[in-house]
Amino acid sequence: MIAVQPHRADLLKYSRQRRTRRRVNRVILIFILLLILTFSLLIAINQPRWQITTIKIFNPSNNNSTEIKRVVEEILFTHYYGLIKKSNRWLYPKTEIRDRLLASWPNLEEIGLSYQPRTNVLIIKLTERRASLIWCQQLTPRQCQFADAKGITFDSAASFSDQLFFEVVDEAARPTINPITIQRIQELKLALEEVLPGQPKITGAVYTRDNDFRFSTFDWTIIASRNRPVDATANDLRTALSSRDFLAELAANTHQLEYIDLRFAEKVFYKFRD
C-alpha cells in the first residue's frame, strides 16, 4: 500500500494558520485580561474609602463660603470621562477647582488645597486680595472698583471708600484696564512722594484720555507720562524742586503753582495761576 504524503506547501500553509490562530487567541486573552483589570481598578478606585467626603473652607472674611463650597461639590460630584469620580483623593482636579473659583470670585488671590487622608477631608484655604487703591470710571453715576498692589481690579467700591483709599479716575472710562497701568501709577505715586517736601502728598490721580497721569496734591498737579521710566520722572521732579529759580518763583507765588509737567525727558515745564 502506498502512503500519500501531504504537499510541502500545504504543510506550510497549515502551520501559518495555526500560528495566526495562536496570535489571535493571545490578543483576545490579553484584551479580556485588560478589561478585567481595568474594570477591577475602576471598582477599587471608586470605593467610598478613597473619596473626599467633607469640604472645609478657611476664609478670613467668611464671605461666600457657602457658595464656594457648593461650586466645589459640583465639581467633585462629576466623573472623568463618566468613569472615575473626581472626588478621588489622588485624582481630584486641583487646577479646575482653582480656575473655577478664581473666575467666579475675582477678590480671591490664592487658593490652597490640601487633603487629610485619615478623615477624607478636603481643606480649602482662601487668601483674599487686599485693596491698594480705588479705580473709577468717569461715568454718571461713577463706577469704582478696588484694585490690589498687582493692579488687579475686583470688588465694587462704595461711595465713601475714596476717603480711605487712594483714588484713580479713568477720564476715558475705558471698558478694561491693563494691570500694568495701575502698577505704574502706584510706583509713580510712591517715587514722587519720596521727592515731595513736607506735607503736599499726592491725594489722587487721573488717567487721561492721552494716556498720561495727573497726580493731585493739596495745592498743585504733577503731570507724568506712562511711557517714561519711574526713576527718570522722579529725578526730574527732584531737579525742579532743587532749582533756585523755581524755588524763588514758588516763594513769590505762594499756593499759586498750578502744575509741573514731567512728561518730557530732562525737561520740566510748570505754570503758576494767573
Protein backbone atom coordinates (compact mmCIF):
# COMPACT_ATOMS: atom_id res chain seq x y z
CA MET A 1 0.00 0.00 0.00
CA ILE A 2 1.39 3.42 -0.97
CA ALA A 3 1.23 6.22 1.71
CA VAL A 4 0.08 9.60 0.49
CA GLN A 5 2.35 12.39 1.76
CA PRO A 6 0.90 15.94 2.10
CA HIS A 7 2.34 18.54 -0.20
CA ARG A 8 5.00 20.72 1.40
CA ALA A 9 3.09 23.92 0.51
CA ASP A 10 0.01 22.60 2.33
CA LEU A 11 2.09 21.91 5.43
CA LEU A 12 3.48 25.43 5.44
CA LYS A 13 0.00 26.91 4.97
CA TYR A 14 -1.40 24.85 7.84
CA SER A 15 1.49 25.86 10.08
CA ARG A 16 0.94 29.54 9.33
CA GLN A 17 -2.78 29.25 10.10
CA ARG A 18 -2.03 27.64 13.47
CA ARG A 19 0.42 30.42 14.36
CA THR A 20 -2.12 33.06 13.32
CA ARG A 21 -4.85 31.47 15.45
CA ARG A 22 -2.49 31.38 18.41
CA ARG A 23 -1.67 35.09 18.00
CA VAL A 24 -5.35 35.99 17.69
CA ASN A 25 -6.22 33.90 20.75
CA ARG A 26 -3.35 35.52 22.67
CA VAL A 27 -4.52 39.03 21.72
CA ILE A 28 -8.10 38.19 22.70
CA LEU A 29 -6.91 36.78 26.03
CA ILE A 30 -4.78 39.86 26.75
CA PHE A 31 -7.69 42.14 25.82
CA ILE A 32 -10.03 40.25 28.16
CA LEU A 33 -7.47 40.37 30.95
CA LEU A 34 -7.02 44.13 30.40
CA LEU A 35 -10.77 44.64 30.52
CA ILE A 36 -10.99 42.67 33.75
CA LEU A 37 -8.04 44.58 35.21
CA THR A 38 -9.48 47.95 34.14
CA PHE A 39 -12.92 47.10 35.48
CA SER A 40 -11.43 45.92 38.77
CA LEU A 41 -9.31 49.07 39.02
CA LEU A 42 -12.35 51.27 38.38
CA ILE A 43 -14.30 49.49 41.09
CA ALA A 44 -11.39 49.81 43.51
CA ILE A 45 -10.61 53.45 42.77
CA ASN A 46 -14.27 54.45 43.12
CA GLN A 47 -14.60 52.82 46.51
CA PRO A 48 -16.05 55.22 49.15
CA ARG A 49 -12.97 54.96 51.36
CA TRP A 50 -10.86 56.65 48.66
CA GLN A 51 -13.29 59.54 48.15
CA ILE A 52 -13.37 63.04 49.60
CA THR A 53 -16.41 63.15 51.85
CA THR A 54 -16.08 66.55 53.56
CA ILE A 55 -15.05 70.02 52.41
CA LYS A 56 -13.76 72.57 54.90
CA ILE A 57 -13.20 76.17 53.83
CA PHE A 58 -10.98 78.58 55.72
CA ASN A 59 -11.97 82.06 54.63
CA PRO A 60 -10.76 85.08 56.68
CA SER A 61 -13.82 87.18 55.86
CA ASN A 62 -16.23 84.23 55.69
CA ASN A 63 -17.80 85.83 52.60
CA ASN A 64 -19.34 83.48 50.02
CA SER A 65 -18.09 80.37 51.88
CA THR A 66 -21.39 78.53 51.37
CA GLU A 67 -21.48 79.29 47.64
CA ILE A 68 -17.80 78.39 47.22
CA LYS A 69 -18.42 75.05 48.90
CA ARG A 70 -21.37 74.39 46.60
CA VAL A 71 -19.25 75.04 43.49
CA VAL A 72 -16.50 72.69 44.69
CA GLU A 73 -19.06 69.99 45.44
CA GLU A 74 -20.47 70.35 41.93
CA ILE A 75 -17.01 69.69 40.52
CA LEU A 76 -16.23 66.74 42.79
CA PHE A 77 -19.57 65.02 42.16
CA THR A 78 -18.82 64.61 38.45
CA HIS A 79 -16.65 61.97 36.73
CA TYR A 80 -13.65 61.82 34.44
CA TYR A 81 -14.99 60.50 31.11
CA GLY A 82 -18.01 59.18 33.03
CA LEU A 83 -15.84 56.53 34.73
CA ILE A 84 -13.71 57.86 37.60
CA LYS A 85 -15.11 60.05 40.35
CA LYS A 86 -13.43 63.44 40.58
CA SER A 87 -13.73 63.20 44.34
CA ASN A 88 -10.97 60.58 44.39
CA ARG A 89 -8.34 61.52 46.96
CA TRP A 90 -5.46 61.14 44.47
CA LEU A 91 -7.16 62.47 41.35
CA TYR A 92 -9.34 65.39 42.47
CA PRO A 93 -8.97 68.27 39.93
CA LYS A 94 -6.92 70.94 41.70
CA THR A 95 -6.48 73.12 38.62
CA GLU A 96 -10.17 73.00 37.70
CA ILE A 97 -11.19 73.96 41.24
CA ARG A 98 -8.74 76.88 41.40
CA ASP A 99 -9.63 78.18 37.94
CA ARG A 100 -13.38 77.99 38.61
CA LEU A 101 -13.16 79.77 41.95
CA LEU A 102 -10.80 82.50 40.71
CA ALA A 103 -13.06 83.15 37.72
CA SER A 104 -16.17 83.32 39.91
CA TRP A 105 -14.67 85.40 42.74
CA PRO A 106 -12.10 87.97 41.48
CA ASN A 107 -11.48 89.07 45.08
CA LEU A 108 -9.65 85.77 45.70
CA GLU A 109 -5.90 85.98 45.19
CA GLU A 110 -4.72 82.50 46.17
CA ILE A 111 -6.43 79.16 46.77
CA GLY A 112 -4.66 76.46 48.76
CA LEU A 113 -5.85 72.85 48.52
CA SER A 114 -4.83 70.03 50.84
CA TYR A 115 -6.25 66.61 51.67
CA GLN A 116 -6.43 64.89 55.07
CA PRO A 117 -6.38 61.13 54.37
CA ARG A 118 -7.48 59.98 57.82
CA THR A 119 -10.73 61.93 57.70
CA ASN A 120 -11.26 62.19 53.92
CA VAL A 121 -11.45 65.97 54.27
CA LEU A 122 -10.51 68.47 51.54
CA ILE A 123 -9.26 71.70 53.09
CA ILE A 124 -9.52 74.88 51.05
CA LYS A 125 -7.63 77.93 52.30
CA LEU A 126 -8.58 81.20 50.67
CA THR A 127 -6.44 84.33 50.51
CA GLU A 128 -8.33 87.45 49.51
CA ARG A 129 -6.93 90.42 47.64
CA ARG A 130 -6.10 93.50 49.70
CA ALA A 131 -7.22 96.82 48.27
CA SER A 132 -4.39 99.21 47.48
CA LEU A 133 -6.40 101.87 45.64
CA ILE A 134 -9.75 102.60 44.03
CA TRP A 135 -10.08 102.66 40.24
CA CYS A 136 -13.04 104.74 38.99
CA GLN A 137 -14.53 105.26 35.55
CA GLN A 138 -15.64 108.81 34.93
CA LEU A 139 -19.25 107.98 34.19
CA THR A 140 -22.62 109.11 35.52
CA PRO A 141 -23.03 107.63 38.03
CA ARG A 142 -19.36 107.00 38.64
CA GLN A 143 -18.35 103.32 38.78
CA CYS A 144 -15.47 102.34 41.07
CA GLN A 145 -13.63 99.13 41.89
CA PHE A 146 -10.94 98.17 44.34
CA ALA A 147 -7.51 97.29 42.92
CA ASP A 148 -4.71 95.43 44.65
CA ALA A 149 -0.96 96.06 44.57
CA LYS A 150 -0.66 93.89 41.42
CA GLY A 151 -3.11 96.10 39.56
CA ILE A 152 -5.94 93.56 39.57
CA THR A 153 -9.41 95.10 39.96
CA PHE A 154 -12.04 93.20 41.91
CA ASP A 155 -14.98 94.18 44.18
CA SER A 156 -17.07 97.30 43.61
CA ALA A 157 -16.10 100.19 45.87
CA ALA A 158 -18.70 102.06 47.91
CA SER A 159 -19.11 105.81 47.50
CA PHE A 160 -17.37 106.58 50.81
CA SER A 161 -14.30 104.44 50.01
CA ASP A 162 -12.40 107.34 48.42
CA GLN A 163 -11.90 108.70 51.92
CA LEU A 164 -9.99 105.57 52.90
CA PHE A 165 -8.03 104.69 49.75
CA PHE A 166 -6.01 106.46 47.09
CA GLU A 167 -8.34 107.09 44.14
CA VAL A 168 -7.56 106.98 40.42
CA VAL A 169 -10.14 108.25 37.92
CA ASP A 170 -10.11 106.93 34.35
CA GLU A 171 -11.01 110.01 32.32
CA ALA A 172 -11.77 107.97 29.19
CA ALA A 173 -13.90 105.39 31.09
CA ARG A 174 -12.11 102.52 29.33
CA PRO A 175 -14.09 99.25 29.50
CA THR A 176 -10.98 97.32 30.62
CA ILE A 177 -7.71 98.41 32.15
CA ASN A 178 -4.27 96.84 31.96
CA PRO A 179 -3.00 95.88 35.44
CA ILE A 180 0.43 97.18 34.40
CA THR A 181 -1.06 100.67 34.11
CA ILE A 182 -2.35 100.51 37.68
CA GLN A 183 1.01 99.22 38.88
CA ARG A 184 2.78 102.08 37.10
CA ILE A 185 0.51 104.63 38.80
CA GLN A 186 1.30 103.15 42.21
CA GLU A 187 5.04 103.10 41.51
CA LEU A 188 4.98 106.72 40.32
CA LYS A 189 2.98 107.82 43.34
CA LEU A 190 5.49 106.32 45.77
CA ALA A 191 8.50 107.64 43.84
CA LEU A 192 7.10 111.18 43.57
CA GLU A 193 6.06 111.30 47.23
CA GLU A 194 9.63 110.46 48.23
CA VAL A 195 10.75 113.60 46.42
CA LEU A 196 7.99 115.94 47.59
CA PRO A 197 8.99 118.05 50.59
CA GLY A 198 6.84 118.35 53.69
CA GLN A 199 3.07 117.99 53.50
CA PRO A 200 1.97 118.23 49.85
CA LYS A 201 1.41 114.50 49.40
CA ILE A 202 -0.45 113.03 46.44
CA THR A 203 -4.17 112.77 47.17
CA GLY A 204 -5.47 111.30 43.90
CA ALA A 205 -4.75 110.74 40.22
CA VAL A 206 -6.41 110.92 36.82
CA TYR A 207 -5.60 108.61 33.91
CA THR A 208 -6.14 110.94 30.96
CA ARG A 209 -7.52 110.28 27.51
CA ASP A 210 -3.96 110.86 26.20
CA ASN A 211 -2.68 108.00 28.40
CA ASP A 212 -0.86 110.35 30.76
CA PHE A 213 -1.18 110.62 34.53
CA ARG A 214 -2.20 113.71 36.51
CA PHE A 215 -1.36 113.42 40.19
CA SER A 216 -3.06 115.85 42.56
CA THR A 217 -1.53 117.29 45.70
CA PHE A 218 -3.32 119.65 48.08
CA ASP A 219 -2.12 122.65 46.05
CA TRP A 220 -0.99 121.63 42.55
CA THR A 221 -0.84 118.89 39.93
CA ILE A 222 2.01 116.72 38.65
CA ILE A 223 1.68 115.52 35.06
CA ALA A 224 3.65 112.37 34.19
CA SER A 225 3.97 110.09 31.18
CA ARG A 226 3.01 106.45 31.34
CA ASN A 227 5.88 105.61 28.98
CA ARG A 228 8.76 107.29 30.86
CA PRO A 229 10.77 105.35 33.46
CA VAL A 230 9.63 105.98 37.01
CA ASP A 231 13.13 106.85 38.27
CA ALA A 232 13.70 109.35 35.47
CA THR A 233 10.39 111.10 36.21
CA ALA A 234 11.17 111.30 39.93
CA ASN A 235 14.67 112.64 39.23
CA ASP A 236 13.26 115.41 37.03
CA LEU A 237 10.93 116.44 39.85
CA ARG A 238 13.85 116.41 42.29
CA THR A 239 15.86 118.60 39.92
CA ALA A 240 13.00 121.07 39.58
CA LEU A 241 12.42 121.31 43.33
CA SER A 242 16.11 121.97 43.91
CA SER A 243 16.34 124.73 41.30
CA ARG A 244 16.95 128.16 42.87
CA ASP A 245 14.99 129.97 40.17
CA PHE A 246 11.98 127.69 40.58
CA LEU A 247 12.07 127.92 44.38
CA ALA A 248 12.26 131.72 44.17
CA GLU A 249 9.20 131.83 41.92
CA LEU A 250 7.41 129.38 44.20
CA ALA A 251 8.14 131.55 47.25
CA ALA A 252 6.91 134.65 45.45
CA ASN A 253 3.71 132.92 44.36
CA THR A 254 2.64 131.00 47.45
CA HIS A 255 -0.11 128.47 46.67
CA GLN A 256 -0.28 129.70 43.08
CA LEU A 257 1.54 126.80 41.39
CA GLU A 258 -0.92 125.11 39.01
CA TYR A 259 1.10 122.19 37.66
CA ILE A 260 4.51 120.68 36.99
CA ASP A 261 4.82 118.74 33.73
CA LEU A 262 7.32 115.83 33.80
CA ARG A 263 6.33 114.11 30.58
CA PHE A 264 9.44 115.05 28.60
CA ALA A 265 12.95 113.74 29.16
CA GLU A 266 15.24 116.16 31.03
CA LYS A 267 12.72 118.97 30.61
CA VAL A 268 10.37 120.30 33.25
CA PHE A 269 7.52 122.66 32.47
CA TYR A 270 5.46 124.40 35.09
CA LYS A 271 2.76 127.03 35.32
CA PHE A 272 1.52 129.42 38.00
CA ARG A 273 -2.09 130.53 38.25
CA ASP A 274 -2.88 134.00 37.00
